[in-house]
Amino acid sequence: MARYGYILHSADDATIRNIDELGCCRIFRECRYDTMTRPERRTLLRQIENNDEIIVPGLCHIVNGCTGLAVFLEYCEFRNIRLISLEDRIDTAGILYDGESDR
């Protein structure tokens, strides 16, 4: 099981440090010019395996809108990928924010 971080170009140093401190083996960071196509997100999704974890500062870093979120959450559930959003206090495994977020 591996843990990956994913952030947009706009993430500040403190955000990067927070994600890094959680033990990510790699942090994917989008270039500011590629936020529409998000090539680093595609690379992450090609590299990630079942039972791995993705940590994001906020859900807006990994998806655009409610439809994108619904599709992404289904993808994570299908592949048994744990998604942790620090700002939104969401952990799909229900470990970090006990009682606050639910699969």
N, C-alpha and C. Protein backbone atom coordinates (compact mmCIF):
# COMPACT_ATOMS: atom_id res chain seq x y z
N MET A 1 0.84 -1.17 0.00
CA MET A 1 0.00 0.00 0.00
C MET A 1 0.89 1.24 0.00
N ALA A 2 0.62 2.13 -0.93
CA ALA A 2 1.39 3.37 -1.04
C ALA A 2 0.48 4.56 -0.78
N ARG A 3 1.08 5.65 -0.38
CA ARG A 3 0.36 6.89 -0.10
C ARG A 3 0.89 7.97 -1.03
N TYR A 4 -0.02 8.63 -1.75
CA TYR A 4 0.35 9.67 -2.71
C TYR A 4 -0.34 10.98 -2.35
N GLY A 5 0.34 12.07 -2.60
CA GLY A 5 -0.25 13.38 -2.46
C GLY A 5 -0.55 13.97 -3.82
N TYR A 6 -1.53 14.83 -3.88
CA TYR A 6 -1.87 15.51 -5.13
C TYR A 6 -2.27 16.94 -4.81
N ILE A 7 -1.60 17.89 -5.46
CA ILE A 7 -1.89 19.31 -5.21
C ILE A 7 -1.87 20.09 -6.52
N LEU A 8 -2.53 21.22 -6.49
CA LEU A 8 -2.48 22.15 -7.62
C LEU A 8 -1.28 23.05 -7.46
N HIS A 9 -0.96 23.77 -8.50
CA HIS A 9 0.19 24.67 -8.49
C HIS A 9 0.07 25.74 -7.43
N SER A 10 -1.15 26.10 -7.06
CA SER A 10 -1.37 27.21 -6.14
C SER A 10 -1.13 26.85 -4.67
N ALA A 11 -0.84 25.61 -4.37
CA ALA A 11 -0.62 25.19 -2.98
C ALA A 11 0.61 25.88 -2.41
N ASP A 12 0.48 26.37 -1.19
CA ASP A 12 1.62 27.05 -0.55
C ASP A 12 2.55 26.04 0.12
N ASP A 13 3.67 26.54 0.61
CA ASP A 13 4.69 25.67 1.21
C ASP A 13 4.17 24.92 2.43
N ALA A 14 3.32 25.57 3.22
CA ALA A 14 2.78 24.92 4.41
C ALA A 14 1.90 23.73 4.03
N THR A 15 1.12 23.87 2.98
CA THR A 15 0.26 22.79 2.50
C THR A 15 1.11 21.62 2.02
N ILE A 16 2.13 21.93 1.26
CA ILE A 16 3.03 20.89 0.76
C ILE A 16 3.70 20.16 1.93
N ARG A 17 4.13 20.92 2.92
CA ARG A 17 4.77 20.34 4.09
C ARG A 17 3.79 19.43 4.85
N ASN A 18 2.53 19.87 5.01
CA ASN A 18 1.52 19.06 5.70
C ASN A 18 1.31 17.72 5.01
N ILE A 19 1.22 17.74 3.70
CA ILE A 19 1.01 16.50 2.96
C ILE A 19 2.26 15.62 3.03
N ASP A 20 3.41 16.24 2.91
CA ASP A 20 4.67 15.49 2.97
C ASP A 20 4.85 14.82 4.33
N GLU A 21 4.44 15.49 5.40
CA GLU A 21 4.58 14.94 6.75
C GLU A 21 3.69 13.72 6.98
N LEU A 22 2.69 13.52 6.12
CA LEU A 22 1.82 12.37 6.26
C LEU A 22 2.40 11.11 5.62
N GLY A 23 3.63 11.22 5.12
CA GLY A 23 4.34 10.04 4.64
C GLY A 23 4.07 9.65 3.20
N CYS A 24 3.82 10.63 2.36
CA CYS A 24 3.59 10.32 0.94
C CYS A 24 4.89 9.87 0.28
N CYS A 25 4.79 8.82 -0.51
CA CYS A 25 5.97 8.37 -1.25
C CYS A 25 6.23 9.28 -2.45
N ARG A 26 5.18 9.97 -2.92
CA ARG A 26 5.32 10.93 -4.02
C ARG A 26 4.18 11.93 -3.96
N ILE A 27 4.49 13.18 -4.27
CA ILE A 27 3.48 14.22 -4.35
C ILE A 27 3.42 14.69 -5.80
N PHE A 28 2.24 14.57 -6.39
CA PHE A 28 2.02 15.03 -7.75
C PHE A 28 1.55 16.48 -7.69
N ARG A 29 2.20 17.35 -8.46
CA ARG A 29 1.84 18.78 -8.45
C ARG A 29 1.61 19.26 -9.88
N GLU A 30 0.42 19.81 -10.09
CA GLU A 30 0.08 20.32 -11.42
C GLU A 30 0.80 21.63 -11.70
N CYS A 31 1.17 21.80 -12.94
CA CYS A 31 1.71 23.06 -13.42
C CYS A 31 0.54 24.04 -13.56
N ARG A 32 0.77 25.30 -13.36
CA ARG A 32 -0.33 26.26 -13.40
C ARG A 32 -0.98 26.36 -14.77
N TYR A 33 -0.31 25.91 -15.79
CA TYR A 33 -0.86 25.99 -17.14
C TYR A 33 -1.69 24.77 -17.50
N ASP A 34 -1.68 23.76 -16.67
CA ASP A 34 -2.35 22.50 -17.01
C ASP A 34 -3.52 22.16 -16.08
N THR A 35 -4.14 23.14 -15.47
CA THR A 35 -5.20 22.84 -14.52
C THR A 35 -6.48 22.35 -15.19
N MET A 36 -6.66 22.57 -16.47
CA MET A 36 -7.85 22.05 -17.15
C MET A 36 -7.67 20.57 -17.53
N THR A 37 -6.53 20.21 -18.06
CA THR A 37 -6.31 18.83 -18.49
C THR A 37 -5.73 17.96 -17.38
N ARG A 38 -5.08 18.57 -16.42
CA ARG A 38 -4.51 17.90 -15.25
C ARG A 38 -3.73 16.63 -15.59
N PRO A 39 -2.63 16.78 -16.31
CA PRO A 39 -1.83 15.60 -16.68
C PRO A 39 -1.23 14.87 -15.48
N GLU A 40 -0.90 15.58 -14.42
CA GLU A 40 -0.34 14.91 -13.23
C GLU A 40 -1.40 14.03 -12.55
N ARG A 41 -2.64 14.47 -12.59
CA ARG A 41 -3.72 13.63 -12.03
C ARG A 41 -3.86 12.35 -12.84
N ARG A 42 -3.78 12.48 -14.16
CA ARG A 42 -3.84 11.28 -15.02
C ARG A 42 -2.69 10.34 -14.71
N THR A 43 -1.50 10.91 -14.51
CA THR A 43 -0.33 10.08 -14.17
C THR A 43 -0.55 9.37 -12.83
N LEU A 44 -1.07 10.10 -11.86
CA LEU A 44 -1.37 9.51 -10.55
C LEU A 44 -2.35 8.36 -10.69
N LEU A 45 -3.42 8.56 -11.44
CA LEU A 45 -4.44 7.52 -11.56
C LEU A 45 -3.95 6.31 -12.35
N ARG A 46 -2.98 6.51 -13.23
CA ARG A 46 -2.37 5.37 -13.93
C ARG A 46 -1.43 4.60 -13.01
N GLN A 47 -0.78 5.30 -12.10
CA GLN A 47 0.23 4.71 -11.23
C GLN A 47 -0.36 4.05 -9.99
N ILE A 48 -1.45 4.59 -9.50
CA ILE A 48 -2.02 4.11 -8.24
C ILE A 48 -2.56 2.70 -8.39
N GLU A 49 -2.46 1.94 -7.33
CA GLU A 49 -2.94 0.56 -7.33
C GLU A 49 -4.06 0.41 -6.31
N ASN A 50 -4.75 -0.69 -6.39
CA ASN A 50 -5.80 -0.98 -5.41
C ASN A 50 -5.21 -0.91 -4.01
N ASN A 51 -5.99 -0.41 -3.08
CA ASN A 51 -5.64 -0.28 -1.66
C ASN A 51 -4.63 0.81 -1.36
N ASP A 52 -4.28 1.65 -2.33
CA ASP A 52 -3.39 2.79 -2.07
C ASP A 52 -4.20 3.95 -1.50
N GLU A 53 -3.51 5.04 -1.17
CA GLU A 53 -4.16 6.21 -0.57
C GLU A 53 -3.78 7.47 -1.33
N ILE A 54 -4.74 8.39 -1.43
CA ILE A 54 -4.51 9.70 -2.03
C ILE A 54 -4.83 10.75 -0.98
N ILE A 55 -3.89 11.67 -0.78
CA ILE A 55 -4.10 12.78 0.16
C ILE A 55 -4.11 14.08 -0.63
N VAL A 56 -5.15 14.88 -0.43
CA VAL A 56 -5.27 16.18 -1.08
C VAL A 56 -5.54 17.24 -0.03
N PRO A 57 -5.12 18.48 -0.28
CA PRO A 57 -5.44 19.55 0.67
C PRO A 57 -6.94 19.78 0.76
N GLY A 58 -7.61 19.76 -0.38
CA GLY A 58 -9.06 19.93 -0.46
C GLY A 58 -9.57 19.20 -1.69
N LEU A 59 -10.83 18.87 -1.69
CA LEU A 59 -11.39 18.14 -2.82
C LEU A 59 -11.27 18.91 -4.13
N CYS A 60 -11.26 20.24 -4.05
CA CYS A 60 -11.14 21.06 -5.26
C CYS A 60 -9.80 20.85 -5.95
N HIS A 61 -8.83 20.29 -5.27
CA HIS A 61 -7.54 20.02 -5.89
C HIS A 61 -7.62 18.81 -6.84
N ILE A 62 -8.49 17.87 -6.56
CA ILE A 62 -8.52 16.63 -7.34
C ILE A 62 -9.68 16.56 -8.32
N VAL A 63 -10.78 17.27 -8.06
CA VAL A 63 -11.95 17.23 -8.94
C VAL A 63 -12.52 18.62 -9.17
N ASN A 64 -13.30 18.72 -10.25
CA ASN A 64 -14.05 19.93 -10.55
C ASN A 64 -15.53 19.62 -10.44
N GLY A 65 -16.21 20.21 -9.50
CA GLY A 65 -17.66 20.09 -9.41
C GLY A 65 -18.18 18.80 -8.80
N CYS A 66 -19.49 18.80 -8.60
CA CYS A 66 -20.17 17.67 -7.94
C CYS A 66 -20.14 16.41 -8.79
N THR A 67 -20.32 16.55 -10.09
CA THR A 67 -20.31 15.37 -10.95
C THR A 67 -18.95 14.71 -10.93
N GLY A 68 -17.89 15.51 -11.04
CA GLY A 68 -16.53 14.98 -10.98
C GLY A 68 -16.26 14.30 -9.65
N LEU A 69 -16.77 14.89 -8.58
CA LEU A 69 -16.58 14.30 -7.25
C LEU A 69 -17.29 12.94 -7.15
N ALA A 70 -18.52 12.87 -7.64
CA ALA A 70 -19.26 11.62 -7.58
C ALA A 70 -18.54 10.51 -8.36
N VAL A 71 -18.07 10.85 -9.55
CA VAL A 71 -17.36 9.87 -10.37
C VAL A 71 -16.07 9.43 -9.69
N PHE A 72 -15.34 10.40 -9.13
CA PHE A 72 -14.07 10.09 -8.49
C PHE A 72 -14.27 9.22 -7.24
N LEU A 73 -15.29 9.52 -6.46
CA LEU A 73 -15.56 8.71 -5.26
C LEU A 73 -15.95 7.28 -5.63
N GLU A 74 -16.71 7.13 -6.71
CA GLU A 74 -17.04 5.77 -7.18
C GLU A 74 -15.80 5.03 -7.63
N TYR A 75 -14.92 5.73 -8.34
CA TYR A 75 -13.66 5.14 -8.78
C TYR A 75 -12.84 4.67 -7.57
N CYS A 76 -12.75 5.52 -6.56
CA CYS A 76 -12.00 5.16 -5.35
C CYS A 76 -12.63 3.97 -4.64
N GLU A 77 -13.93 3.95 -4.58
CA GLU A 77 -14.60 2.82 -3.93
C GLU A 77 -14.36 1.53 -4.70
N PHE A 78 -14.48 1.60 -6.01
CA PHE A 78 -14.27 0.42 -6.86
C PHE A 78 -12.87 -0.15 -6.70
N ARG A 79 -11.86 0.73 -6.61
CA ARG A 79 -10.47 0.30 -6.51
C ARG A 79 -10.00 0.18 -5.05
N ASN A 80 -10.89 0.45 -4.10
CA ASN A 80 -10.56 0.43 -2.67
C ASN A 80 -9.42 1.38 -2.36
N ILE A 81 -9.51 2.58 -2.91
CA ILE A 81 -8.51 3.63 -2.68
C ILE A 81 -9.03 4.55 -1.59
N ARG A 82 -8.21 4.79 -0.61
CA ARG A 82 -8.56 5.68 0.48
C ARG A 82 -8.27 7.11 0.05
N LEU A 83 -9.27 7.98 0.17
CA LEU A 83 -9.12 9.39 -0.17
C LEU A 83 -9.19 10.21 1.11
N ILE A 84 -8.19 11.06 1.32
CA ILE A 84 -8.15 11.93 2.49
C ILE A 84 -8.07 13.37 2.01
N SER A 85 -9.03 14.18 2.43
CA SER A 85 -9.03 15.61 2.12
C SER A 85 -8.85 16.36 3.43
N LEU A 86 -7.72 17.03 3.57
CA LEU A 86 -7.37 17.66 4.84
C LEU A 86 -8.29 18.82 5.19
N GLU A 87 -8.51 19.76 4.28
CA GLU A 87 -9.34 20.93 4.56
C GLU A 87 -10.80 20.57 4.77
N ASP A 88 -11.27 19.57 4.03
CA ASP A 88 -12.67 19.18 4.11
C ASP A 88 -12.93 18.18 5.24
N ARG A 89 -11.85 17.71 5.87
CA ARG A 89 -11.92 16.76 6.97
C ARG A 89 -12.69 15.50 6.55
N ILE A 90 -12.27 14.94 5.41
CA ILE A 90 -12.88 13.74 4.86
C ILE A 90 -11.82 12.65 4.77
N ASP A 91 -12.18 11.49 5.25
CA ASP A 91 -11.35 10.29 5.14
C ASP A 91 -12.30 9.15 4.77
N THR A 92 -12.21 8.65 3.56
CA THR A 92 -13.16 7.62 3.12
C THR A 92 -13.02 6.32 3.91
N ALA A 93 -11.92 6.14 4.62
CA ALA A 93 -11.78 4.97 5.48
C ALA A 93 -12.35 5.22 6.87
N GLY A 94 -12.68 6.48 7.18
CA GLY A 94 -13.27 6.81 8.47
C GLY A 94 -12.30 6.72 9.63
N ILE A 95 -11.01 6.87 9.37
CA ILE A 95 -10.01 6.73 10.42
C ILE A 95 -9.63 8.07 11.03
N LEU A 96 -9.24 9.02 10.20
CA LEU A 96 -8.73 10.29 10.70
C LEU A 96 -9.78 11.15 11.39
N TYR A 97 -10.91 11.28 10.79
CA TYR A 97 -11.95 12.19 11.30
C TYR A 97 -13.12 11.36 11.78
N ASP A 98 -12.89 10.56 12.79
CA ASP A 98 -13.88 9.63 13.31
C ASP A 98 -15.18 10.35 13.63
N GLY A 99 -16.25 9.89 13.01
CA GLY A 99 -17.56 10.48 13.26
C GLY A 99 -17.87 11.70 12.41
N GLU A 100 -16.87 12.22 11.68
CA GLU A 100 -17.11 13.43 10.88
C GLU A 100 -17.32 13.11 9.41
N SER A 101 -16.69 12.06 8.92
CA SER A 101 -16.87 11.69 7.52
C SER A 101 -17.18 10.21 7.45
N ASP A 102 -17.90 9.86 6.43
CA ASP A 102 -18.33 8.47 6.31
C ASP A 102 -18.20 8.04 4.87
N ARG A 103 -17.81 6.80 4.67
CA ARG A 103 -17.67 6.25 3.33
C ARG A 103 -18.99 6.32 2.62
